[in-house]
Amino acid sequence: MGTEIQCEFMHSDDLAEALVFLMNSYNERQFINIGTGEEVSIKQLAEMIKTTTGFEGQIKFDSSKPDGTPRKLMDSSKIKSLGWQPRIGLKEGLERTWGEYQELIKK
């Protein structure tokens, strides 16, 4: 159950760039979504984190718990039609974040 949920993740640097882009180029009164347009299942995400961090344990899912909304994907077509695109994919974002964390814990 819980492994079937599809979520959309965006690196905070991409979000910051999207906000600056919109402040400079968007002047409409309607809302606009910011997203990557790419989904990943919770199971896929867990496996990516496991690979990125080198975790060697087993990942277990408790399918008896509520699993929430099956899909969490934004319609980002409007911002993309204005010329903005995210630059950092999920795998790269996880690797960057893990690397930054590793540097912090060395201090």
Protein backbone atom coordinates (compact mmCIF):
# COMPACT_ATOMS: atom_id res chain seq x y z
CA MET A 1 0.00 0.00 0.00
CA GLY A 2 2.32 2.77 1.25
CA THR A 3 4.90 1.96 -1.39
CA GLU A 4 2.45 2.77 -4.19
CA ILE A 5 2.02 6.44 -3.29
CA GLN A 6 3.53 8.70 -5.93
CA CYS A 7 5.14 11.96 -4.79
CA GLU A 8 6.90 14.83 -6.43
CA PHE A 9 10.09 16.22 -4.91
CA MET A 10 12.01 19.36 -5.79
CA HIS A 11 15.43 20.53 -4.64
CA SER A 12 15.28 23.72 -2.58
CA ASP A 13 17.74 25.44 -4.95
CA ASP A 14 15.31 24.87 -7.84
CA LEU A 15 12.45 26.25 -5.77
CA ALA A 16 14.46 29.36 -4.89
CA GLU A 17 15.36 29.90 -8.55
CA ALA A 18 11.73 29.45 -9.59
CA LEU A 19 10.61 32.06 -7.06
CA VAL A 20 13.18 34.59 -8.29
CA PHE A 21 12.16 33.80 -11.88
CA LEU A 22 8.51 34.47 -11.02
CA MET A 23 9.28 37.70 -9.15
CA ASN A 24 11.06 38.95 -12.26
CA SER A 25 8.68 37.72 -14.94
CA TYR A 26 5.21 36.92 -13.59
CA ASN A 27 2.63 39.59 -12.84
CA GLU A 28 -0.72 37.81 -13.05
CA ARG A 29 -3.24 37.54 -10.23
CA GLN A 30 -3.76 33.80 -10.52
CA PHE A 31 -1.83 31.11 -8.68
CA ILE A 32 0.98 29.25 -10.38
CA ASN A 33 2.36 25.83 -9.45
CA ILE A 34 6.06 25.14 -9.15
CA GLY A 35 7.13 21.54 -9.57
CA THR A 36 9.26 19.11 -11.49
CA GLY A 37 6.45 17.19 -13.14
CA GLU A 38 8.12 13.92 -12.18
CA GLU A 39 6.77 11.39 -9.71
CA VAL A 40 8.48 8.71 -7.69
CA SER A 41 6.97 6.07 -5.42
CA ILE A 42 7.83 6.01 -1.74
CA LYS A 43 9.50 2.64 -2.32
CA GLN A 44 11.62 4.06 -5.16
CA LEU A 45 12.56 7.03 -2.98
CA ALA A 46 13.52 4.78 -0.08
CA GLU A 47 15.70 2.68 -2.39
CA MET A 48 17.36 5.81 -3.82
CA ILE A 49 18.12 7.08 -0.31
CA LYS A 50 19.44 3.65 0.66
CA THR A 51 21.78 3.63 -2.36
CA THR A 52 22.88 7.25 -1.87
CA THR A 53 23.69 6.83 1.82
CA GLY A 54 25.13 3.33 1.60
CA PHE A 55 22.58 1.98 4.08
CA GLU A 56 22.90 -1.79 4.17
CA GLY A 57 19.84 -2.62 6.27
CA GLN A 58 16.44 -3.78 5.12
CA ILE A 59 13.63 -1.35 4.33
CA LYS A 60 10.26 -2.43 5.70
CA PHE A 61 6.88 -0.89 4.96
CA ASP A 62 3.88 -1.14 7.29
CA SER A 63 0.96 -1.56 4.90
CA SER A 64 -1.52 -1.57 7.81
CA LYS A 65 -1.11 2.22 8.19
CA PRO A 66 -3.02 4.77 6.12
CA ASP A 67 -1.09 5.69 3.02
CA GLY A 68 -2.60 9.08 2.18
CA THR A 69 -3.35 10.51 -1.22
CA PRO A 70 -2.19 8.13 -3.98
CA ARG A 71 -0.68 10.91 -6.11
CA LYS A 72 0.92 14.24 -5.23
CA LEU A 73 1.89 15.77 -8.56
CA MET A 74 1.66 19.46 -9.42
CA ASP A 75 0.62 20.72 -12.85
CA SER A 76 3.68 22.82 -13.60
CA SER A 77 2.91 23.41 -17.27
CA LYS A 78 2.31 27.15 -16.84
CA ILE A 79 5.67 27.99 -15.28
CA LYS A 80 7.40 25.75 -17.80
CA SER A 81 5.61 27.54 -20.65
CA LEU A 82 7.07 30.79 -19.28
CA GLY A 83 10.56 29.34 -19.70
CA TRP A 84 11.47 27.99 -16.26
CA GLN A 85 12.65 24.39 -15.83
CA PRO A 86 14.04 22.64 -12.76
CA ARG A 87 17.72 21.80 -13.09
CA ILE A 88 18.36 19.35 -10.26
CA GLY A 89 16.93 15.85 -10.57
CA LEU A 90 15.98 13.79 -7.53
CA LYS A 91 19.04 11.53 -7.68
CA GLU A 92 21.41 14.48 -7.98
CA GLY A 93 19.54 16.36 -5.24
CA LEU A 94 19.82 13.40 -2.86
CA GLU A 95 23.52 13.05 -3.62
CA ARG A 96 24.14 16.78 -3.05
CA THR A 97 22.17 16.81 0.18
CA TRP A 98 23.91 13.68 1.48
CA GLY A 99 27.30 15.17 0.58
CA GLU A 100 26.48 18.44 2.34
CA TYR A 101 25.35 16.50 5.41
CA GLN A 102 28.55 14.48 5.41
CA GLU A 103 30.58 17.70 5.32
CA LEU A 104 28.59 19.17 8.23
CA ILE A 105 29.10 16.18 10.49
CA LYS A 106 32.86 16.26 9.87
CA LYS A 107 33.09 19.72 11.47
